[in-house]
Amino acid sequence: MKGRLIRSLRNSAAANLVLLCTASSVLAGSVTQPGDTMGVANGASTPEGLYFVNQANWGCNNNTTPRTCFGAEIPLLVWSTPWKILGGPLLLTTGPLTWVDVNVHNVEHVSDFFNAFVGSKLSWDLGHGWGFGYLLGAYLDRDTPVAYSSSSLNQRFALSYTGNGWDLTANTIWGINFDQFNNDPQGSPCPRSPEHACNPNFLNVDLTGTKRFGKWEVGPIGFYATDISTPMPGYNMQSKAAIGGLVGYYLDLPTIRRGGLQAILQVYGTTEIYERNYGGEDTRVWSRLTLPLGEPPPPSEFRPVGP
């Protein structure tokens, strides 16, 4: 009996260690999920109003053993305010209820809340269809198995061209973790030391190149992500890149008001073409629903909204 109990505890500990180490290859590195802002013209201003945005994605890393799948559900409230600072419209974003699911096949399955996000953005019209946006935000430390064990500063620099129905956007995301090494690993254990957390600083670049045709939007997307700090000696810095395609559709949803309520549904997919120290390449399906909660903006000004 005692021998079976010891073996059971040993097997359970081994399974948890595999989950922790495997999940770290999914979650370590960038706190902002690489590709999170694809499909949004972050350099352009958003028409005044309150928006509900729901982003979701699911994908698996088929090169690892055991196979690891990772998904996220990200509901956001975005308020494009009537105020301007330094000549740029102010936009406020909050995402306190991001849900993350990690499934290590035949080993463990964990779901819980991710770090909450808050941010504010200014955007400036540069003329001739060009715009520039700067977002200052933060992820807040949250004590769950799938969250990073550190609060972090998040800055985003976006350049967009939105003339003639195009969305050509490069959004660069710079993340600085306030606590890069600690004793609370959660979703980001250190290599060879799962009792400690490694939370590196990171740099992401999300790319969008879509064109709108009536109610349809199509085009390529992609991202690149890399660590830019070493939290501890022996830490293997991670990086990866992916390409894919996006299809969007502008909907008219019936309401009690006259006319319809505009909404935008985007569905897109990515596959990684390069990775370093993530343990394998990931294939992923994404979606984003943008829904104005008040009077919809003019159709010519309505675009997908995101953080």
Protein backbone atom coordinates (compact mmCIF):
# COMPACT_ATOMS: atom_id res chain seq x y z
CA MET A 1 0.00 0.00 0.00
CA LYS A 2 2.77 2.38 0.99
CA GLY A 3 4.72 1.52 -2.18
CA ARG A 4 1.67 2.21 -4.39
CA LEU A 5 1.11 5.56 -2.64
CA ILE A 6 4.73 6.58 -3.15
CA ARG A 7 4.56 5.57 -6.84
CA SER A 8 1.29 7.46 -7.24
CA LEU A 9 2.75 10.63 -5.70
CA ARG A 10 5.88 10.26 -7.81
CA ASN A 11 3.85 9.86 -11.00
CA SER A 12 1.65 12.83 -10.09
CA ALA A 13 4.68 15.00 -9.41
CA ALA A 14 6.25 13.94 -12.70
CA ALA A 15 3.04 14.75 -14.58
CA ASN A 16 2.82 18.18 -12.98
CA LEU A 17 6.47 18.84 -13.82
CA VAL A 18 5.87 17.88 -17.46
CA LEU A 19 2.82 20.16 -17.55
CA LEU A 20 4.73 23.03 -16.02
CA CYS A 21 7.71 22.71 -18.33
CA THR A 22 5.60 22.10 -21.42
CA ALA A 23 3.22 24.94 -20.60
CA SER A 24 6.22 27.20 -20.10
CA SER A 25 7.21 26.66 -23.74
CA VAL A 26 3.72 27.89 -24.68
CA LEU A 27 3.39 30.74 -22.19
CA ALA A 28 6.95 31.89 -21.54
CA GLY A 29 8.35 34.80 -23.48
CA SER A 30 5.84 37.43 -24.53
CA VAL A 31 3.06 38.29 -22.06
CA THR A 32 1.13 39.78 -24.99
CA GLN A 33 0.27 36.79 -27.14
CA PRO A 34 2.20 37.07 -30.43
CA GLY A 35 -0.32 37.99 -33.12
CA ASP A 36 -2.82 39.46 -30.64
CA THR A 37 -3.30 42.70 -32.60
CA MET A 38 -3.29 41.37 -36.18
CA GLY A 39 -6.28 42.57 -38.19
CA VAL A 40 -6.63 45.92 -36.38
CA ALA A 41 -5.48 49.30 -37.75
CA ASN A 42 -3.96 50.39 -34.44
CA GLY A 43 -2.39 53.47 -35.99
CA ALA A 44 -5.78 54.90 -37.01
CA SER A 45 -8.27 56.59 -34.70
CA THR A 46 -11.49 54.80 -33.69
CA PRO A 47 -14.85 56.58 -34.05
CA GLU A 48 -16.15 57.84 -30.71
CA GLY A 49 -18.21 55.30 -28.76
CA LEU A 50 -18.17 52.17 -26.60
CA TYR A 51 -17.30 48.82 -28.18
CA PHE A 52 -17.39 45.19 -27.08
CA VAL A 53 -14.64 43.11 -28.67
CA ASN A 54 -14.32 39.36 -28.32
CA GLN A 55 -11.08 37.73 -29.45
CA ALA A 56 -10.50 33.98 -29.35
CA ASN A 57 -7.84 31.61 -30.66
CA TRP A 58 -6.90 27.96 -30.44
CA GLY A 59 -3.89 26.08 -31.71
CA CYS A 60 -1.58 23.14 -31.15
CA ASN A 61 2.13 22.55 -31.25
CA ASN A 62 2.49 19.30 -33.17
CA ASN A 63 6.28 19.01 -32.84
CA THR A 64 6.34 18.38 -29.10
CA THR A 65 5.80 15.15 -27.21
CA PRO A 66 3.35 15.14 -25.54
CA ARG A 67 1.26 17.26 -27.93
CA THR A 68 0.37 20.62 -26.39
CA CYS A 69 -2.67 22.75 -27.27
CA PHE A 70 -3.29 26.27 -26.07
CA GLY A 71 -6.38 28.49 -26.36
CA ALA A 72 -7.46 31.92 -25.17
CA GLU A 73 -10.78 33.74 -24.86
CA ILE A 74 -10.28 37.51 -24.58
CA PRO A 75 -13.34 39.74 -23.98
CA LEU A 76 -12.53 43.46 -24.11
CA LEU A 77 -14.30 46.75 -23.48
CA VAL A 78 -12.96 49.59 -25.60
CA TRP A 79 -14.06 53.21 -25.15
CA SER A 80 -13.10 55.75 -27.77
CA THR A 81 -13.59 58.87 -25.68
CA PRO A 82 -14.56 62.39 -26.82
CA TRP A 83 -11.34 63.78 -25.33
CA LYS A 84 -8.05 64.60 -26.97
CA ILE A 85 -4.55 64.76 -25.49
CA LEU A 86 -1.75 66.42 -27.46
CA GLY A 87 -4.14 66.53 -30.40
CA GLY A 88 -4.78 62.77 -30.40
CA PRO A 89 -8.13 61.11 -29.55
CA LEU A 90 -7.96 59.11 -26.31
CA LEU A 91 -8.99 55.43 -26.36
CA LEU A 92 -9.29 53.30 -23.19
CA THR A 93 -9.17 49.49 -23.13
CA THR A 94 -9.72 46.92 -20.39
CA GLY A 95 -9.54 43.14 -20.51
CA PRO A 96 -9.84 41.75 -16.96
CA LEU A 97 -11.35 38.34 -17.80
CA THR A 98 -9.03 36.67 -20.30
CA TRP A 99 -9.42 32.88 -20.01
CA VAL A 100 -6.56 30.57 -20.93
CA ASP A 101 -6.72 26.81 -21.53
CA VAL A 102 -3.61 24.59 -21.72
CA ASN A 103 -3.95 20.91 -22.61
CA VAL A 104 -0.92 18.61 -22.52
CA HIS A 105 -2.22 15.44 -24.18
CA ASN A 106 -2.66 12.52 -21.76
CA VAL A 107 -0.83 14.47 -19.03
CA GLU A 108 -2.79 17.44 -17.69
CA HIS A 109 -5.45 20.00 -18.60
CA VAL A 110 -5.47 23.42 -16.90
CA SER A 111 -7.80 26.39 -17.41
CA ASP A 112 -7.84 29.68 -15.48
CA PHE A 113 -7.75 33.45 -15.75
CA PHE A 114 -4.79 35.20 -17.35
CA ASN A 115 -3.24 38.51 -16.29
CA ALA A 116 -5.73 41.39 -16.54
CA PHE A 117 -4.92 44.13 -19.08
CA VAL A 118 -5.57 47.88 -18.97
CA GLY A 119 -4.41 50.41 -21.55
CA SER A 120 -4.85 53.88 -23.00
CA LYS A 121 -4.01 54.90 -26.57
CA LEU A 122 -3.54 58.14 -28.47
CA SER A 123 -3.61 58.26 -32.26
CA TRP A 124 -2.70 60.98 -34.73
CA ASP A 125 -3.80 61.53 -38.32
CA LEU A 126 -0.63 62.01 -40.41
CA GLY A 127 -2.55 62.76 -43.60
CA HIS A 128 -2.97 60.93 -46.92
CA GLY A 129 -4.46 57.87 -45.16
CA TRP A 130 -1.61 57.41 -42.70
CA GLY A 131 -1.94 57.34 -38.91
CA PHE A 132 0.24 56.68 -35.89
CA GLY A 133 -0.87 55.26 -32.53
CA TYR A 134 0.84 54.97 -29.16
CA LEU A 135 -0.60 52.77 -26.41
CA LEU A 136 0.58 52.71 -22.81
CA GLY A 137 -0.78 49.78 -20.83
CA ALA A 138 -0.07 47.16 -18.21
CA TYR A 139 -0.70 43.52 -17.39
CA LEU A 140 -1.44 42.97 -13.70
CA ASP A 141 0.06 40.09 -11.74
CA ARG A 142 -2.49 37.34 -11.10
CA ASP A 143 -1.98 34.20 -9.01
CA THR A 144 -3.19 31.42 -11.32
CA PRO A 145 -1.35 28.47 -12.94
CA VAL A 146 -1.58 30.03 -16.43
CA ALA A 147 -0.66 33.64 -15.56
CA TYR A 148 2.70 35.39 -15.46
CA SER A 149 4.03 35.95 -11.94
CA SER A 150 4.80 39.61 -12.60
CA SER A 151 3.06 42.83 -13.48
CA SER A 152 4.42 44.35 -16.68
CA LEU A 153 4.50 47.60 -18.61
CA ASN A 154 3.20 47.41 -22.18
CA GLN A 155 3.96 50.00 -24.87
CA ARG A 156 2.72 49.78 -28.46
CA PHE A 157 3.78 51.82 -31.48
CA ALA A 158 1.54 51.39 -34.54
CA LEU A 159 1.77 52.80 -38.05
CA SER A 160 -1.25 52.30 -40.32
CA TYR A 161 -2.36 53.15 -43.82
CA THR A 162 -6.15 52.99 -44.17
CA GLY A 163 -6.79 54.78 -47.46
CA ASN A 164 -8.85 53.23 -50.25
CA GLY A 165 -10.12 50.35 -48.11
CA TRP A 166 -6.65 49.12 -47.14
CA ASP A 167 -5.40 48.19 -43.68
CA LEU A 168 -1.62 48.14 -43.85
CA THR A 169 -0.43 48.09 -40.25
CA ALA A 170 2.74 47.33 -38.35
CA ASN A 171 2.22 47.28 -34.58
CA THR A 172 5.35 46.98 -32.43
CA ILE A 173 4.76 45.87 -28.83
CA TRP A 174 7.44 46.38 -26.16
CA GLY A 175 6.88 44.62 -22.84
CA ILE A 176 8.85 45.15 -19.63
CA ASN A 177 8.26 42.75 -16.72
CA PHE A 178 8.74 44.36 -13.31
CA ASP A 179 9.75 41.06 -11.66
CA GLN A 180 11.78 39.00 -14.09
CA PHE A 181 12.93 36.35 -11.60
CA ASN A 182 11.00 35.17 -8.53
CA ASN A 183 9.90 32.10 -6.56
CA ASP A 184 6.36 31.91 -7.97
CA PRO A 185 6.60 30.13 -11.36
CA GLN A 186 2.90 29.91 -12.28
CA GLY A 187 2.89 29.86 -16.10
CA SER A 188 6.53 30.83 -16.60
CA PRO A 189 9.01 28.50 -14.86
CA CYS A 190 12.74 28.83 -15.49
CA PRO A 191 14.70 26.21 -17.42
CA ARG A 192 16.10 23.50 -15.14
CA SER A 193 14.40 25.23 -12.19
CA PRO A 194 10.60 24.87 -12.27
CA GLU A 195 10.33 26.28 -8.73
CA HIS A 196 11.36 29.72 -10.03
CA ALA A 197 9.75 32.06 -12.56
CA CYS A 198 11.43 33.63 -15.57
CA ASN A 199 9.55 36.62 -16.99
CA PRO A 200 11.70 38.14 -19.76
CA ASN A 201 11.16 41.47 -21.47
CA PHE A 202 9.88 41.01 -25.02
CA LEU A 203 9.30 42.62 -28.39
CA ASN A 204 6.47 41.66 -30.78
CA VAL A 205 5.68 42.93 -34.27
CA ASP A 206 2.15 42.20 -35.57
CA LEU A 207 1.56 42.77 -39.31
CA THR A 208 -1.67 43.26 -41.29
CA GLY A 209 -2.10 43.75 -45.04
CA THR A 210 -5.83 43.48 -45.80
CA LYS A 211 -8.14 45.12 -48.36
CA ARG A 212 -11.88 45.72 -48.05
CA PHE A 213 -14.23 44.86 -50.94
CA GLY A 214 -17.75 45.95 -50.01
CA LYS A 215 -18.66 43.96 -46.90
CA TRP A 216 -15.65 41.65 -47.26
CA GLU A 217 -12.08 42.07 -46.07
CA VAL A 218 -9.21 39.75 -47.10
CA GLY A 219 -5.45 39.71 -46.97
CA PRO A 220 -2.27 38.34 -45.40
CA ILE A 221 -1.21 38.68 -41.77
CA GLY A 222 1.83 37.68 -39.73
CA PHE A 223 3.83 38.23 -36.57
CA TYR A 224 7.29 38.05 -35.08
CA ALA A 225 8.08 37.78 -31.34
CA THR A 226 11.34 37.64 -29.42
CA ASP A 227 12.68 37.89 -25.88
CA ILE A 228 14.96 40.87 -25.31
CA SER A 229 16.29 40.08 -21.83
CA THR A 230 17.80 37.15 -19.91
CA PRO A 231 16.13 36.81 -16.48
CA MET A 232 18.73 34.32 -15.18
CA PRO A 233 22.01 32.72 -16.29
CA GLY A 234 21.35 29.84 -18.66
CA TYR A 235 17.97 31.15 -19.82
CA ASN A 236 17.43 30.28 -23.49
CA MET A 237 15.91 33.30 -25.18
CA GLN A 238 12.86 32.49 -27.30
CA SER A 239 11.66 33.81 -30.65
CA LYS A 240 9.21 32.81 -33.37
CA ALA A 241 7.49 34.03 -36.54
CA ALA A 242 4.26 33.11 -38.32
CA ILE A 243 2.35 33.94 -41.50
CA GLY A 244 -1.30 33.49 -42.40
CA GLY A 245 -4.44 34.93 -43.97
CA LEU A 246 -7.54 36.80 -42.78
CA VAL A 247 -11.14 37.00 -43.96
CA GLY A 248 -13.52 39.57 -42.48
CA TYR A 249 -17.22 40.33 -43.00
CA TYR A 250 -19.24 43.40 -42.06
CA LEU A 251 -22.64 42.36 -40.68
CA ASP A 252 -25.95 44.15 -40.18
CA LEU A 253 -27.55 42.80 -37.02
CA PRO A 254 -31.25 43.70 -36.47
CA THR A 255 -32.05 45.83 -33.43
CA ILE A 256 -35.05 47.66 -32.01
CA ARG A 257 -33.64 50.83 -33.57
CA ARG A 258 -34.26 51.70 -37.19
CA GLY A 259 -31.77 50.08 -39.50
CA GLY A 260 -29.21 47.53 -38.42
CA LEU A 261 -26.44 47.36 -35.88
CA GLN A 262 -23.10 47.02 -37.60
CA ALA A 263 -20.63 44.40 -36.45
CA ILE A 264 -17.44 42.98 -37.89
CA LEU A 265 -16.48 39.31 -37.76
CA GLN A 266 -12.91 38.33 -38.63
CA VAL A 267 -11.61 34.78 -38.94
CA TYR A 268 -7.96 34.08 -39.64
CA GLY A 269 -5.29 31.43 -39.39
CA THR A 270 -1.53 31.36 -38.85
CA THR A 271 1.21 28.80 -39.06
CA GLU A 272 4.66 29.31 -37.63
CA ILE A 273 7.54 29.26 -40.08
CA TYR A 274 10.33 29.80 -37.54
CA GLU A 275 10.82 29.13 -33.85
CA ARG A 276 13.72 29.08 -31.41
CA ASN A 277 13.47 27.40 -27.98
CA TYR A 278 9.66 27.08 -28.06
CA GLY A 279 9.90 23.33 -28.67
CA GLY A 280 8.09 23.30 -32.00
CA GLU A 281 5.94 25.22 -34.45
CA ASP A 282 2.32 26.17 -33.79
CA THR A 283 -0.72 26.23 -36.11
CA ARG A 284 -3.57 28.43 -34.89
CA VAL A 285 -7.11 29.62 -35.73
CA TRP A 286 -8.23 33.08 -34.58
CA SER A 287 -11.44 35.11 -34.51
CA ARG A 288 -12.46 38.65 -33.54
CA LEU A 289 -15.95 40.15 -33.19
CA THR A 290 -16.24 43.94 -33.00
CA LEU A 291 -19.62 45.19 -31.77
CA PRO A 292 -20.53 48.83 -31.01
CA LEU A 293 -22.66 49.09 -27.87
CA GLY A 294 -24.18 52.44 -28.79
CA GLU A 295 -25.05 54.13 -32.06
CA PRO A 296 -22.85 52.54 -34.73
CA PRO A 297 -20.31 54.74 -36.50
CA PRO A 298 -20.71 55.64 -40.18
CA PRO A 299 -19.94 52.60 -42.37
CA SER A 300 -17.04 54.37 -44.04
CA GLU A 301 -15.34 54.93 -40.65
CA PHE A 302 -16.12 51.59 -38.99
CA ARG A 303 -13.14 49.24 -38.67
CA PRO A 304 -12.18 46.31 -36.43
CA VAL A 305 -11.34 47.47 -32.92
CA GLY A 306 -8.80 45.94 -30.59
CA PRO A 307 -6.24 46.64 -27.89
